[in-house]
Amino acid sequence: MEFPDVGKHCSMKNCNKLDFLPIKCDVCSEIFCDEHYFYTKHDCANAYLKDNQVPVCPLCNKPIPVGQGQQPDQVVGAHIDNDCQSDPAKNKRKVFTNRCSRKGCKVKEVVPVICDDCGLNFCLKHRHVQDHQCQGKKGAVKERMLNAALARQQNAKSTATTLTDEIHGTMSEDEALARALALSMQDSDNVKTPTQEEMDLALARQLQASEYHGTTAGARSSNRDRCIVI
């Protein structure tokens, strides 16, 4: 059963295939499936005008460069999933928000698929333990700590960039200095202050060490002053 409102039909008369990732010819502007996209496959009358064929996104009409050895339909599909600014593509990205945690995989699912061992989210292809090289709870904690560290680093860069922009923008030098001091005080407040017991213990250790060094120095001086009779 086909859904006529989803995708588009191939313009080849003997094909008329419903393709969910149709490709628009950049010469004749007709829509084709991945099989009849090439100039030679649909007998494009204006193919001589182009030396290299560049597919066009059917949603935003933007040319999508294809590297050597890449499949045009896969490249256009990746563009729609990640970069296309058309309303249908944006709405699709809002629905598919559960990105796979496996390194190198960019697939997103409508519903989360959580691994019972490590607790991370994966796509349907990598949902099994052996498919995503599961490292268990320890690996999940390490992954979350890494993501948190990267997030803190990005926030720090963002704060520094914002402060720099304000200094070079409408903010005066005095206001910028006050802002920097406020941020510095905020960072210093986050540093743990030692308790009174910790301070007393440190002072006692320092006095004990000082007394020990003084006693040792006196003993050495007494030995030097003592005469040895043979």
N, C-alpha and C. Protein backbone atom coordinates (compact mmCIF):
# COMPACT_ATOMS: atom_id res chain seq x y z
N MET A 1 0.84 -1.19 0.00
CA MET A 1 0.00 0.00 0.00
C MET A 1 0.88 1.25 0.00
N GLU A 2 0.57 2.21 -0.87
CA GLU A 2 1.36 3.42 -1.00
C GLU A 2 0.64 4.60 -0.36
N PHE A 3 1.44 5.59 0.06
CA PHE A 3 0.91 6.81 0.65
C PHE A 3 1.20 7.94 -0.33
N PRO A 4 0.22 8.40 -1.07
CA PRO A 4 0.46 9.38 -2.14
C PRO A 4 0.95 10.73 -1.63
N ASP A 5 0.70 11.05 -0.36
CA ASP A 5 1.10 12.36 0.15
C ASP A 5 2.55 12.37 0.64
N VAL A 6 3.18 11.22 0.70
CA VAL A 6 4.55 11.12 1.19
C VAL A 6 5.47 10.81 0.02
N GLY A 7 6.53 11.62 -0.17
CA GLY A 7 7.44 11.42 -1.29
C GLY A 7 6.85 11.91 -2.60
N LYS A 8 7.54 11.60 -3.70
CA LYS A 8 7.08 12.00 -5.03
C LYS A 8 7.35 10.87 -6.02
N HIS A 9 6.58 10.88 -7.10
CA HIS A 9 6.70 9.84 -8.12
C HIS A 9 7.78 10.21 -9.13
N CYS A 10 8.46 9.20 -9.62
CA CYS A 10 9.48 9.39 -10.65
C CYS A 10 8.82 9.86 -11.95
N SER A 11 9.48 10.80 -12.62
CA SER A 11 8.92 11.39 -13.85
C SER A 11 9.06 10.48 -15.06
N MET A 12 9.82 9.41 -14.95
CA MET A 12 9.92 8.47 -16.06
C MET A 12 8.58 7.78 -16.26
N LYS A 13 8.07 7.81 -17.49
CA LYS A 13 6.73 7.28 -17.76
C LYS A 13 6.63 5.78 -17.50
N ASN A 14 7.69 5.07 -17.80
CA ASN A 14 7.66 3.63 -17.59
C ASN A 14 8.05 3.22 -16.17
N CYS A 15 8.25 4.21 -15.29
CA CYS A 15 8.63 3.93 -13.90
C CYS A 15 7.54 4.38 -12.93
N ASN A 16 7.39 5.70 -12.79
CA ASN A 16 6.38 6.30 -11.90
C ASN A 16 6.48 5.77 -10.47
N LYS A 17 7.69 5.43 -10.06
CA LYS A 17 7.92 4.88 -8.73
C LYS A 17 7.77 5.96 -7.66
N LEU A 18 7.12 5.61 -6.56
CA LEU A 18 7.00 6.54 -5.43
C LEU A 18 8.27 6.46 -4.60
N ASP A 19 9.03 7.55 -4.60
CA ASP A 19 10.31 7.58 -3.90
C ASP A 19 10.21 8.53 -2.72
N PHE A 20 10.62 8.06 -1.55
CA PHE A 20 10.57 8.90 -0.35
C PHE A 20 11.74 9.88 -0.29
N LEU A 21 12.77 9.67 -1.09
CA LEU A 21 13.89 10.60 -1.22
C LEU A 21 14.10 10.92 -2.69
N PRO A 22 13.14 11.61 -3.31
CA PRO A 22 13.27 11.91 -4.73
C PRO A 22 14.38 12.93 -4.98
N ILE A 23 14.90 12.92 -6.20
CA ILE A 23 15.99 13.81 -6.57
C ILE A 23 15.57 14.62 -7.79
N LYS A 24 15.79 15.92 -7.70
CA LYS A 24 15.44 16.79 -8.82
C LYS A 24 16.66 16.97 -9.73
N CYS A 25 16.45 16.77 -11.01
CA CYS A 25 17.53 16.97 -11.98
C CYS A 25 17.87 18.46 -12.06
N ASP A 26 19.16 18.78 -11.97
CA ASP A 26 19.57 20.18 -11.96
C ASP A 26 19.54 20.81 -13.35
N VAL A 27 19.18 20.03 -14.38
CA VAL A 27 19.11 20.56 -15.74
C VAL A 27 17.67 20.73 -16.19
N CYS A 28 16.89 19.65 -16.12
CA CYS A 28 15.51 19.71 -16.60
C CYS A 28 14.50 19.95 -15.47
N SER A 29 14.96 19.92 -14.21
CA SER A 29 14.13 20.20 -13.03
C SER A 29 13.01 19.18 -12.82
N GLU A 30 13.10 18.03 -13.45
CA GLU A 30 12.13 16.96 -13.22
C GLU A 30 12.55 16.12 -12.01
N ILE A 31 11.56 15.46 -11.41
CA ILE A 31 11.81 14.63 -10.24
C ILE A 31 11.99 13.18 -10.68
N PHE A 32 13.04 12.54 -10.14
CA PHE A 32 13.32 11.15 -10.49
C PHE A 32 13.68 10.36 -9.24
N CYS A 33 13.56 9.05 -9.35
CA CYS A 33 14.00 8.16 -8.28
C CYS A 33 15.51 7.98 -8.38
N ASP A 34 16.08 7.24 -7.42
CA ASP A 34 17.53 7.07 -7.42
C ASP A 34 18.03 6.27 -8.62
N GLU A 35 17.15 5.51 -9.25
CA GLU A 35 17.55 4.70 -10.40
C GLU A 35 17.61 5.52 -11.69
N HIS A 36 16.72 6.49 -11.84
CA HIS A 36 16.65 7.27 -13.09
C HIS A 36 17.13 8.71 -12.90
N TYR A 37 17.88 8.95 -11.86
CA TYR A 37 18.37 10.31 -11.59
C TYR A 37 19.42 10.75 -12.61
N PHE A 38 20.30 9.84 -13.03
CA PHE A 38 21.40 10.21 -13.91
C PHE A 38 20.87 10.67 -15.28
N TYR A 39 21.62 11.57 -15.89
CA TYR A 39 21.21 12.12 -17.19
C TYR A 39 20.92 11.02 -18.20
N THR A 40 21.83 10.04 -18.25
CA THR A 40 21.69 8.98 -19.25
C THR A 40 20.50 8.07 -18.97
N LYS A 41 20.08 8.00 -17.71
CA LYS A 41 18.98 7.09 -17.36
C LYS A 41 17.62 7.66 -17.74
N HIS A 42 17.49 8.99 -17.72
CA HIS A 42 16.19 9.56 -18.12
C HIS A 42 16.29 10.35 -19.42
N ASP A 43 17.39 10.14 -20.14
CA ASP A 43 17.56 10.76 -21.46
C ASP A 43 17.34 12.27 -21.40
N CYS A 44 18.04 12.91 -20.50
CA CYS A 44 17.89 14.36 -20.32
C CYS A 44 18.33 15.09 -21.59
N ALA A 45 17.45 15.92 -22.10
CA ALA A 45 17.71 16.61 -23.36
C ALA A 45 18.76 17.70 -23.21
N ASN A 46 18.93 18.24 -22.00
CA ASN A 46 19.87 19.34 -21.79
C ASN A 46 21.12 18.90 -21.03
N ALA A 47 21.41 17.63 -21.05
CA ALA A 47 22.55 17.12 -20.29
C ALA A 47 23.87 17.72 -20.77
N TYR A 48 23.93 18.11 -22.05
CA TYR A 48 25.17 18.67 -22.59
C TYR A 48 25.55 20.00 -21.93
N LEU A 49 24.61 20.64 -21.27
CA LEU A 49 24.89 21.93 -20.63
C LEU A 49 25.71 21.77 -19.35
N LYS A 50 25.78 20.55 -18.86
CA LYS A 50 26.48 20.32 -17.60
C LYS A 50 27.60 19.31 -17.80
N ASP A 51 28.77 19.64 -17.25
CA ASP A 51 29.87 18.68 -17.28
C ASP A 51 29.73 17.68 -16.13
N ASN A 52 29.35 18.19 -14.96
CA ASN A 52 29.17 17.34 -13.79
C ASN A 52 27.75 17.50 -13.29
N GLN A 53 27.15 16.41 -12.90
CA GLN A 53 25.77 16.44 -12.44
C GLN A 53 25.72 16.67 -10.94
N VAL A 54 24.93 17.65 -10.53
CA VAL A 54 24.77 17.99 -9.12
C VAL A 54 23.31 17.83 -8.75
N PRO A 55 22.98 16.97 -7.79
CA PRO A 55 21.58 16.82 -7.40
C PRO A 55 21.06 18.04 -6.67
N VAL A 56 19.76 18.25 -6.75
CA VAL A 56 19.11 19.39 -6.10
C VAL A 56 18.14 18.86 -5.07
N CYS A 57 18.15 19.47 -3.89
CA CYS A 57 17.23 19.06 -2.84
C CYS A 57 15.80 19.34 -3.28
N PRO A 58 14.89 18.37 -3.20
CA PRO A 58 13.52 18.59 -3.64
C PRO A 58 12.71 19.48 -2.71
N LEU A 59 13.25 19.77 -1.52
CA LEU A 59 12.51 20.60 -0.56
C LEU A 59 12.94 22.06 -0.60
N CYS A 60 14.25 22.31 -0.64
CA CYS A 60 14.74 23.69 -0.61
C CYS A 60 15.35 24.14 -1.94
N ASN A 61 15.41 23.24 -2.93
CA ASN A 61 15.97 23.54 -4.26
C ASN A 61 17.43 23.98 -4.21
N LYS A 62 18.15 23.52 -3.22
CA LYS A 62 19.56 23.86 -3.09
C LYS A 62 20.42 22.76 -3.71
N PRO A 63 21.41 23.11 -4.55
CA PRO A 63 22.31 22.09 -5.12
C PRO A 63 23.12 21.41 -4.02
N ILE A 64 23.21 20.10 -4.09
CA ILE A 64 23.92 19.32 -3.08
C ILE A 64 25.13 18.66 -3.74
N PRO A 65 26.35 19.07 -3.40
CA PRO A 65 27.54 18.45 -4.01
C PRO A 65 27.69 17.00 -3.56
N VAL A 66 28.08 16.16 -4.50
CA VAL A 66 28.26 14.73 -4.25
C VAL A 66 29.70 14.37 -4.55
N GLY A 67 30.36 13.76 -3.58
CA GLY A 67 31.74 13.35 -3.77
C GLY A 67 31.86 12.08 -4.59
N GLN A 68 33.06 11.79 -5.00
CA GLN A 68 33.30 10.60 -5.82
C GLN A 68 33.01 9.34 -5.01
N GLY A 69 32.22 8.46 -5.58
CA GLY A 69 31.87 7.22 -4.91
C GLY A 69 30.66 7.31 -4.00
N GLN A 70 30.11 8.50 -3.80
CA GLN A 70 28.93 8.66 -2.96
C GLN A 70 27.65 8.48 -3.77
N GLN A 71 26.62 7.96 -3.10
CA GLN A 71 25.32 7.80 -3.73
C GLN A 71 24.52 9.09 -3.59
N PRO A 72 24.00 9.64 -4.69
CA PRO A 72 23.27 10.92 -4.62
C PRO A 72 22.08 10.89 -3.67
N ASP A 73 21.32 9.78 -3.65
CA ASP A 73 20.15 9.74 -2.79
C ASP A 73 20.54 9.75 -1.32
N GLN A 74 21.67 9.12 -0.97
CA GLN A 74 22.13 9.14 0.42
C GLN A 74 22.62 10.52 0.83
N VAL A 75 23.30 11.21 -0.09
CA VAL A 75 23.79 12.56 0.22
C VAL A 75 22.63 13.53 0.39
N VAL A 76 21.64 13.44 -0.50
CA VAL A 76 20.46 14.30 -0.38
C VAL A 76 19.69 13.98 0.90
N GLY A 77 19.58 12.70 1.23
CA GLY A 77 18.91 12.32 2.47
C GLY A 77 19.61 12.87 3.70
N ALA A 78 20.96 12.82 3.72
CA ALA A 78 21.72 13.39 4.83
C ALA A 78 21.53 14.90 4.92
N HIS A 79 21.45 15.56 3.77
CA HIS A 79 21.20 17.01 3.75
C HIS A 79 19.83 17.33 4.35
N ILE A 80 18.81 16.55 4.00
CA ILE A 80 17.46 16.78 4.53
C ILE A 80 17.44 16.54 6.04
N ASP A 81 18.18 15.54 6.50
CA ASP A 81 18.17 15.20 7.93
C ASP A 81 18.92 16.22 8.78
N ASN A 82 19.93 16.90 8.20
CA ASN A 82 20.80 17.74 9.03
C ASN A 82 20.83 19.22 8.66
N ASP A 83 20.81 19.55 7.37
CA ASP A 83 21.08 20.92 6.97
C ASP A 83 19.94 21.64 6.27
N CYS A 84 18.98 20.92 5.74
CA CYS A 84 17.91 21.54 4.96
C CYS A 84 17.10 22.50 5.83
N GLN A 85 16.85 23.71 5.31
CA GLN A 85 16.15 24.74 6.07
C GLN A 85 14.68 24.86 5.68
N SER A 86 14.17 23.93 4.91
CA SER A 86 12.75 23.96 4.55
C SER A 86 11.90 23.55 5.75
N ASP A 87 10.65 23.98 5.77
CA ASP A 87 9.77 23.68 6.90
C ASP A 87 9.55 22.18 7.09
N PRO A 88 9.31 21.39 6.02
CA PRO A 88 9.14 19.95 6.24
C PRO A 88 10.36 19.29 6.86
N ALA A 89 11.56 19.71 6.44
CA ALA A 89 12.78 19.12 7.00
C ALA A 89 12.95 19.50 8.46
N LYS A 90 12.64 20.76 8.80
CA LYS A 90 12.76 21.19 10.20
C LYS A 90 11.77 20.45 11.08
N ASN A 91 10.55 20.26 10.59
CA ASN A 91 9.55 19.52 11.37
C ASN A 91 9.98 18.07 11.57
N LYS A 92 10.61 17.50 10.56
CA LYS A 92 11.10 16.13 10.69
C LYS A 92 12.18 16.03 11.75
N ARG A 93 13.08 17.03 11.79
CA ARG A 93 14.15 17.00 12.79
C ARG A 93 13.60 17.17 14.19
N LYS A 94 12.48 17.88 14.35
CA LYS A 94 11.87 18.02 15.67
C LYS A 94 11.30 16.69 16.15
N VAL A 95 10.83 15.87 15.23
CA VAL A 95 10.25 14.58 15.59
C VAL A 95 11.36 13.57 15.89
N PHE A 96 12.37 13.52 15.02
CA PHE A 96 13.47 12.57 15.19
C PHE A 96 14.56 13.22 16.04
N THR A 97 14.42 13.12 17.35
CA THR A 97 15.35 13.79 18.27
C THR A 97 16.24 12.82 19.03
N ASN A 98 15.97 11.53 18.95
CA ASN A 98 16.74 10.55 19.72
C ASN A 98 17.90 10.03 18.88
N ARG A 99 19.05 10.67 19.06
CA ARG A 99 20.22 10.34 18.25
C ARG A 99 20.97 9.15 18.82
N CYS A 100 21.51 8.34 17.94
CA CYS A 100 22.26 7.14 18.34
C CYS A 100 23.57 7.55 19.01
N SER A 101 23.92 6.85 20.12
CA SER A 101 25.12 7.18 20.88
C SER A 101 26.37 6.48 20.35
N ARG A 102 26.21 5.60 19.39
CA ARG A 102 27.38 4.90 18.86
C ARG A 102 28.24 5.87 18.06
N LYS A 103 29.54 5.79 18.27
CA LYS A 103 30.47 6.71 17.61
C LYS A 103 30.40 6.54 16.10
N GLY A 104 30.22 7.67 15.40
CA GLY A 104 30.15 7.66 13.96
C GLY A 104 28.76 7.52 13.38
N CYS A 105 27.78 7.17 14.21
CA CYS A 105 26.41 7.00 13.72
C CYS A 105 25.62 8.28 13.99
N LYS A 106 24.88 8.76 12.98
CA LYS A 106 24.11 9.99 13.10
C LYS A 106 22.61 9.75 12.96
N VAL A 107 22.19 8.49 13.04
CA VAL A 107 20.79 8.15 12.87
C VAL A 107 19.99 8.60 14.09
N LYS A 108 18.79 9.15 13.83
CA LYS A 108 17.88 9.57 14.89
C LYS A 108 16.58 8.81 14.77
N GLU A 109 16.01 8.45 15.90
CA GLU A 109 14.76 7.70 15.93
C GLU A 109 13.65 8.55 16.54
N VAL A 110 12.41 8.16 16.25
CA VAL A 110 11.26 8.87 16.81
C VAL A 110 11.15 8.60 18.30
N VAL A 111 11.40 7.37 18.71
CA VAL A 111 11.29 6.98 20.12
C VAL A 111 12.68 6.59 20.62
N PRO A 112 12.96 6.80 21.90
CA PRO A 112 14.26 6.40 22.44
C PRO A 112 14.38 4.88 22.54
N VAL A 113 15.58 4.39 22.25
CA VAL A 113 15.88 2.96 22.39
C VAL A 113 17.05 2.86 23.37
N ILE A 114 16.75 2.58 24.64
CA ILE A 114 17.73 2.61 25.71
C ILE A 114 18.29 1.22 25.95
N CYS A 115 19.62 1.12 26.03
CA CYS A 115 20.27 -0.14 26.34
C CYS A 115 20.14 -0.42 27.84
N ASP A 116 19.76 -1.64 28.20
CA ASP A 116 19.58 -1.99 29.61
C ASP A 116 20.90 -2.07 30.36
N ASP A 117 22.00 -2.31 29.66
CA ASP A 117 23.30 -2.47 30.32
C ASP A 117 24.00 -1.14 30.58
N CYS A 118 24.07 -0.29 29.55
CA CYS A 118 24.80 0.97 29.71
C CYS A 118 23.89 2.18 29.89
N GLY A 119 22.60 2.05 29.56
CA GLY A 119 21.66 3.15 29.75
C GLY A 119 21.73 4.23 28.69
N LEU A 120 22.47 4.01 27.60
CA LEU A 120 22.57 5.01 26.54
C LEU A 120 21.55 4.73 25.45
N ASN A 121 21.27 5.76 24.66
CA ASN A 121 20.28 5.64 23.58
C ASN A 121 20.97 5.26 22.27
N PHE A 122 20.33 4.37 21.51
CA PHE A 122 20.88 3.93 20.23
C PHE A 122 19.77 3.83 19.20
N CYS A 123 20.18 3.76 17.94
CA CYS A 123 19.21 3.55 16.86
C CYS A 123 18.83 2.07 16.80
N LEU A 124 17.88 1.75 15.94
CA LEU A 124 17.43 0.37 15.84
C LEU A 124 18.54 -0.56 15.35
N LYS A 125 19.41 -0.05 14.50
CA LYS A 125 20.49 -0.87 13.97
C LYS A 125 21.51 -1.23 15.03
N HIS A 126 21.77 -0.32 15.97
CA HIS A 126 22.80 -0.53 16.99
C HIS A 126 22.21 -0.76 18.38
N ARG A 127 20.98 -1.22 18.46
CA ARG A 127 20.33 -1.36 19.76
C ARG A 127 20.85 -2.55 20.57
N HIS A 128 21.37 -3.57 19.90
CA HIS A 128 21.88 -4.74 20.61
C HIS A 128 23.27 -4.48 21.19
N VAL A 129 23.58 -5.21 22.27
CA VAL A 129 24.84 -5.00 22.99
C VAL A 129 26.05 -5.20 22.08
N GLN A 130 26.03 -6.26 21.28
CA GLN A 130 27.18 -6.54 20.41
C GLN A 130 27.29 -5.56 19.26
N ASP A 131 26.20 -4.87 18.92
CA ASP A 131 26.22 -3.93 17.80
C ASP A 131 26.83 -2.59 18.17
N HIS A 132 26.74 -2.17 19.43
CA HIS A 132 27.32 -0.88 19.83
C HIS A 132 28.49 -1.04 20.79
N GLN A 133 29.03 -2.28 20.86
CA GLN A 133 30.21 -2.55 21.70
C GLN A 133 30.00 -2.00 23.11
N CYS A 134 28.95 -2.50 23.73
CA CYS A 134 28.52 -1.99 25.04
C CYS A 134 29.62 -2.17 26.09
N GLN A 135 29.86 -1.13 26.87
CA GLN A 135 30.84 -1.16 27.94
C GLN A 135 30.19 -1.12 29.31
N GLY A 136 28.88 -1.29 29.36
CA GLY A 136 28.19 -1.37 30.63
C GLY A 136 28.06 -0.02 31.32
N LYS A 137 27.78 -0.07 32.61
CA LYS A 137 27.56 1.15 33.40
C LYS A 137 28.79 2.03 33.42
N LYS A 138 29.97 1.42 33.53
CA LYS A 138 31.20 2.21 33.60
C LYS A 138 31.41 3.01 32.33
N GLY A 139 31.14 2.39 31.19
CA GLY A 139 31.28 3.10 29.93
C GLY A 139 30.27 4.22 29.79
N ALA A 140 29.04 3.99 30.30
CA ALA A 140 28.01 5.02 30.24
C ALA A 140 28.38 6.22 31.10
N VAL A 141 28.91 5.96 32.30
CA VAL A 141 29.33 7.06 33.19
C VAL A 141 30.46 7.84 32.54
N LYS A 142 31.40 7.13 31.93
CA LYS A 142 32.51 7.81 31.25
C LYS A 142 32.01 8.67 30.10
N GLU A 143 31.04 8.14 29.35
CA GLU A 143 30.47 8.88 28.22
C GLU A 143 29.77 10.15 28.71
N ARG A 144 29.00 10.03 29.79
CA ARG A 144 28.29 11.21 30.32
C ARG A 144 29.26 12.23 30.89
N MET A 145 30.32 11.77 31.57
CA MET A 145 31.32 12.69 32.10
C MET A 145 32.02 13.43 30.96
N LEU A 146 32.31 12.72 29.88
CA LEU A 146 32.95 13.37 28.73
C LEU A 146 32.03 14.41 28.11
N ASN A 147 30.75 14.06 27.97
CA ASN A 147 29.79 15.02 27.40
C ASN A 147 29.63 16.24 28.30
N ALA A 148 29.61 16.00 29.63
CA ALA A 148 29.49 17.12 30.57
C ALA A 148 30.72 18.02 30.51
N ALA A 149 31.91 17.42 30.39
CA ALA A 149 33.13 18.21 30.29
C ALA A 149 33.14 19.05 29.02
N LEU A 150 32.70 18.44 27.92
CA LEU A 150 32.63 19.18 26.66
C LEU A 150 31.63 20.32 26.76
N ALA A 151 30.50 20.07 27.45
CA ALA A 151 29.49 21.12 27.61
C ALA A 151 30.03 22.27 28.44
N ARG A 152 30.77 21.94 29.53
CA ARG A 152 31.36 23.00 30.35
C ARG A 152 32.38 23.80 29.57
N GLN A 153 33.15 23.11 28.74
CA GLN A 153 34.15 23.81 27.92
C GLN A 153 33.48 24.75 26.93
N GLN A 154 32.39 24.27 26.32
CA GLN A 154 31.66 25.12 25.37
C GLN A 154 31.06 26.32 26.07
N ASN A 155 30.51 26.11 27.29
CA ASN A 155 29.93 27.23 28.04
C ASN A 155 30.99 28.25 28.43
N ALA A 156 32.18 27.75 28.80
CA ALA A 156 33.27 28.67 29.15
C ALA A 156 33.69 29.49 27.95
N LYS A 157 33.79 28.83 26.79
CA LYS A 157 34.14 29.56 25.57
C LYS A 157 33.06 30.57 25.22
N SER A 158 31.79 30.18 25.41
CA SER A 158 30.69 31.08 25.09
C SER A 158 30.70 32.29 26.00
N THR A 159 30.99 32.07 27.30
CA THR A 159 31.04 33.19 28.25
C THR A 159 32.17 34.14 27.90
N ALA A 160 33.34 33.57 27.58
CA ALA A 160 34.49 34.41 27.22
C ALA A 160 34.22 35.19 25.94
N THR A 161 33.58 34.54 24.98
CA THR A 161 33.25 35.21 23.72
C THR A 161 32.27 36.34 23.95
N THR A 162 31.25 36.08 24.79
CA THR A 162 30.25 37.10 25.08
C THR A 162 30.88 38.30 25.76
N LEU A 163 31.78 38.04 26.73
CA LEU A 163 32.44 39.13 27.43
C LEU A 163 33.31 39.94 26.48
N THR A 164 34.02 39.25 25.60
CA THR A 164 34.86 39.96 24.62
C THR A 164 34.03 40.81 23.69
N ASP A 165 32.90 40.26 23.24
CA ASP A 165 32.03 41.02 22.35
C ASP A 165 31.47 42.26 23.04
N GLU A 166 31.15 42.11 24.33
CA GLU A 166 30.61 43.26 25.05
C GLU A 166 31.67 44.34 25.25
N ILE A 167 32.92 43.91 25.48
CA ILE A 167 33.99 44.88 25.67
C ILE A 167 34.21 45.68 24.39
N HIS A 168 34.20 44.96 23.27
CA HIS A 168 34.42 45.62 21.98
C HIS A 168 33.14 46.24 21.43
N GLY A 169 32.02 46.05 22.09
CA GLY A 169 30.75 46.57 21.60
C GLY A 169 30.36 47.83 22.34
N THR A 170 29.14 47.82 22.88
CA THR A 170 28.60 49.02 23.51
C THR A 170 29.06 49.19 24.95
N MET A 171 29.62 48.15 25.58
CA MET A 171 30.00 48.24 26.99
C MET A 171 31.28 49.07 27.13
N SER A 172 31.30 49.96 28.14
CA SER A 172 32.48 50.77 28.39
C SER A 172 33.54 49.93 29.10
N GLU A 173 34.76 50.49 29.22
CA GLU A 173 35.85 49.74 29.86
C GLU A 173 35.56 49.50 31.33
N ASP A 174 34.99 50.51 32.03
CA ASP A 174 34.67 50.35 33.45
C ASP A 174 33.61 49.27 33.65
N GLU A 175 32.60 49.27 32.79
CA GLU A 175 31.55 48.26 32.90
C GLU A 175 32.10 46.87 32.60
N ALA A 176 32.98 46.79 31.63
CA ALA A 176 33.59 45.50 31.29
C ALA A 176 34.45 44.99 32.43
N LEU A 177 35.20 45.90 33.09
CA LEU A 177 36.03 45.51 34.23
C LEU A 177 35.16 45.02 35.38
N ALA A 178 34.06 45.72 35.64
CA ALA A 178 33.15 45.30 36.70
C ALA A 178 32.55 43.93 36.40
N ARG A 179 32.22 43.69 35.13
CA ARG A 179 31.67 42.39 34.74
C ARG A 179 32.69 41.29 34.94
N ALA A 180 33.94 41.55 34.58
CA ALA A 180 34.99 40.55 34.74
C ALA A 180 35.24 40.25 36.21
N LEU A 181 35.23 41.28 37.07
CA LEU A 181 35.40 41.07 38.51
C LEU A 181 34.26 40.26 39.09
N ALA A 182 33.05 40.53 38.62
CA ALA A 182 31.89 39.77 39.11
C ALA A 182 32.01 38.30 38.75
N LEU A 183 32.44 38.01 37.52
CA LEU A 183 32.63 36.62 37.11
C LEU A 183 33.75 35.96 37.91
N SER A 184 34.80 36.73 38.20
CA SER A 184 35.90 36.18 38.99
C SER A 184 35.46 35.86 40.41
N MET A 185 34.66 36.76 41.02
CA MET A 185 34.14 36.51 42.36
C MET A 185 33.22 35.31 42.37
N GLN A 186 32.46 35.15 41.31
CA GLN A 186 31.56 34.00 41.21
C GLN A 186 32.34 32.70 41.16
N ASP A 187 33.46 32.70 40.42
CA ASP A 187 34.29 31.50 40.36
C ASP A 187 34.95 31.22 41.70
N SER A 188 35.37 32.30 42.41
CA SER A 188 36.02 32.10 43.70
C SER A 188 35.05 31.60 44.75
N ASP A 189 33.78 31.95 44.63
CA ASP A 189 32.78 31.45 45.58
C ASP A 189 32.56 29.96 45.44
N ASN A 190 32.82 29.45 44.24
CA ASN A 190 32.63 28.02 44.01
C ASN A 190 33.75 27.18 44.61
N VAL A 191 34.90 27.83 44.97
CA VAL A 191 36.01 27.11 45.57
C VAL A 191 35.68 26.78 47.02
N LYS A 192 35.96 25.57 47.44
CA LYS A 192 35.63 25.13 48.80
C LYS A 192 36.49 25.85 49.82
N THR A 193 35.87 26.43 50.85
CA THR A 193 36.56 27.13 51.92
C THR A 193 36.88 26.15 53.04
N PRO A 194 38.13 26.09 53.54
CA PRO A 194 38.47 25.14 54.60
C PRO A 194 37.74 25.47 55.89
N THR A 195 37.38 24.42 56.66
CA THR A 195 36.69 24.61 57.93
C THR A 195 37.66 25.05 59.00
N GLN A 196 37.13 25.45 60.17
CA GLN A 196 37.97 25.89 61.27
C GLN A 196 38.83 24.74 61.80
N GLU A 197 38.26 23.53 61.82
CA GLU A 197 39.03 22.38 62.28
C GLU A 197 40.21 22.09 61.36
N GLU A 198 39.98 22.22 60.05
CA GLU A 198 41.07 21.99 59.10
C GLU A 198 42.16 23.04 59.25
N MET A 199 41.76 24.29 59.50
CA MET A 199 42.75 25.35 59.70
C MET A 199 43.55 25.12 60.98
N ASP A 200 42.88 24.69 62.09
CA ASP A 200 43.58 24.43 63.36
C ASP A 200 44.54 23.26 63.21
N LEU A 201 44.11 22.22 62.50
CA LEU A 201 44.98 21.06 62.30
C LEU A 201 46.21 21.44 61.49
N ALA A 202 46.04 22.25 60.47
CA ALA A 202 47.17 22.68 59.66
C ALA A 202 48.14 23.53 60.48
N LEU A 203 47.59 24.41 61.35
CA LEU A 203 48.44 25.25 62.20
C LEU A 203 49.23 24.40 63.19
N ALA A 204 48.58 23.38 63.78
CA ALA A 204 49.26 22.51 64.74
C ALA A 204 50.40 21.75 64.06
N ARG A 205 50.14 21.27 62.85
CA ARG A 205 51.19 20.56 62.13
C ARG A 205 52.36 21.48 61.80
N GLN A 206 52.05 22.74 61.46
CA GLN A 206 53.11 23.69 61.15
C GLN A 206 53.95 24.00 62.38
N LEU A 207 53.29 24.18 63.56
CA LEU A 207 54.02 24.45 64.80
C LEU A 207 54.87 23.25 65.21
N GLN A 208 54.32 22.05 65.04
CA GLN A 208 55.07 20.85 65.38
C GLN A 208 56.30 20.70 64.51
N ALA A 209 56.15 20.99 63.22
CA ALA A 209 57.29 20.90 62.32
C ALA A 209 58.34 21.95 62.66
N SER A 210 57.89 23.16 63.03
CA SER A 210 58.82 24.23 63.39
C SER A 210 59.58 23.88 64.66
N GLU A 211 58.86 23.30 65.64
CA GLU A 211 59.51 22.91 66.90
C GLU A 211 60.52 21.79 66.67
N TYR A 212 60.18 20.86 65.79
CA TYR A 212 61.09 19.75 65.50
C TYR A 212 62.37 20.26 64.85
N HIS A 213 62.24 21.17 63.90
CA HIS A 213 63.43 21.72 63.23
C HIS A 213 64.28 22.51 64.22
N GLY A 214 63.63 23.24 65.18
CA GLY A 214 64.39 24.00 66.16
C GLY A 214 65.16 23.10 67.10
N THR A 215 64.56 22.00 67.55
CA THR A 215 65.22 21.05 68.45
C THR A 215 66.40 20.37 67.76
N THR A 216 66.22 20.01 66.51
CA THR A 216 67.29 19.36 65.75
C THR A 216 68.47 20.30 65.55
N ALA A 217 68.18 21.56 65.27
CA ALA A 217 69.26 22.53 65.08
C ALA A 217 70.03 22.75 66.37
N GLY A 218 69.33 22.79 67.55
CA GLY A 218 70.01 22.97 68.83
C GLY A 218 70.91 21.80 69.18
N ALA A 219 70.46 20.59 68.89
CA ALA A 219 71.27 19.41 69.18
C ALA A 219 72.54 19.40 68.35
N ARG A 220 72.42 19.78 67.11
CA ARG A 220 73.60 19.83 66.25
C ARG A 220 74.60 20.87 66.76
N SER A 221 74.11 22.02 67.23
CA SER A 221 75.00 23.07 67.75
C SER A 221 75.70 22.60 69.01
N SER A 222 75.00 21.87 69.89
CA SER A 222 75.60 21.37 71.13
C SER A 222 76.68 20.35 70.85
N ASN A 223 76.50 19.52 69.87
CA ASN A 223 77.51 18.53 69.51
C ASN A 223 78.77 19.18 68.97
N ARG A 224 78.61 20.28 68.26
CA ARG A 224 79.78 20.96 67.71
C ARG A 224 80.59 21.63 68.83
N ASP A 225 79.92 22.13 69.92
CA ASP A 225 80.61 22.82 71.02
C ASP A 225 81.27 21.85 72.00
N ARG A 226 80.86 20.58 71.99
CA ARG A 226 81.38 19.61 72.96
C ARG A 226 82.80 19.18 72.55
N CYS A 227 83.73 19.15 73.54
CA CYS A 227 85.12 18.74 73.28
C CYS A 227 85.25 17.24 73.45
N ILE A 228 86.06 16.64 72.68
CA ILE A 228 86.29 15.20 72.74
C ILE A 228 87.70 14.98 73.29
N VAL A 229 87.84 14.28 74.45
CA VAL A 229 89.13 14.02 75.09
C VAL A 229 89.53 12.59 74.82
N ILE A 230 90.75 12.40 74.30
CA ILE A 230 91.23 11.06 73.99
C ILE A 230 92.27 10.66 75.03
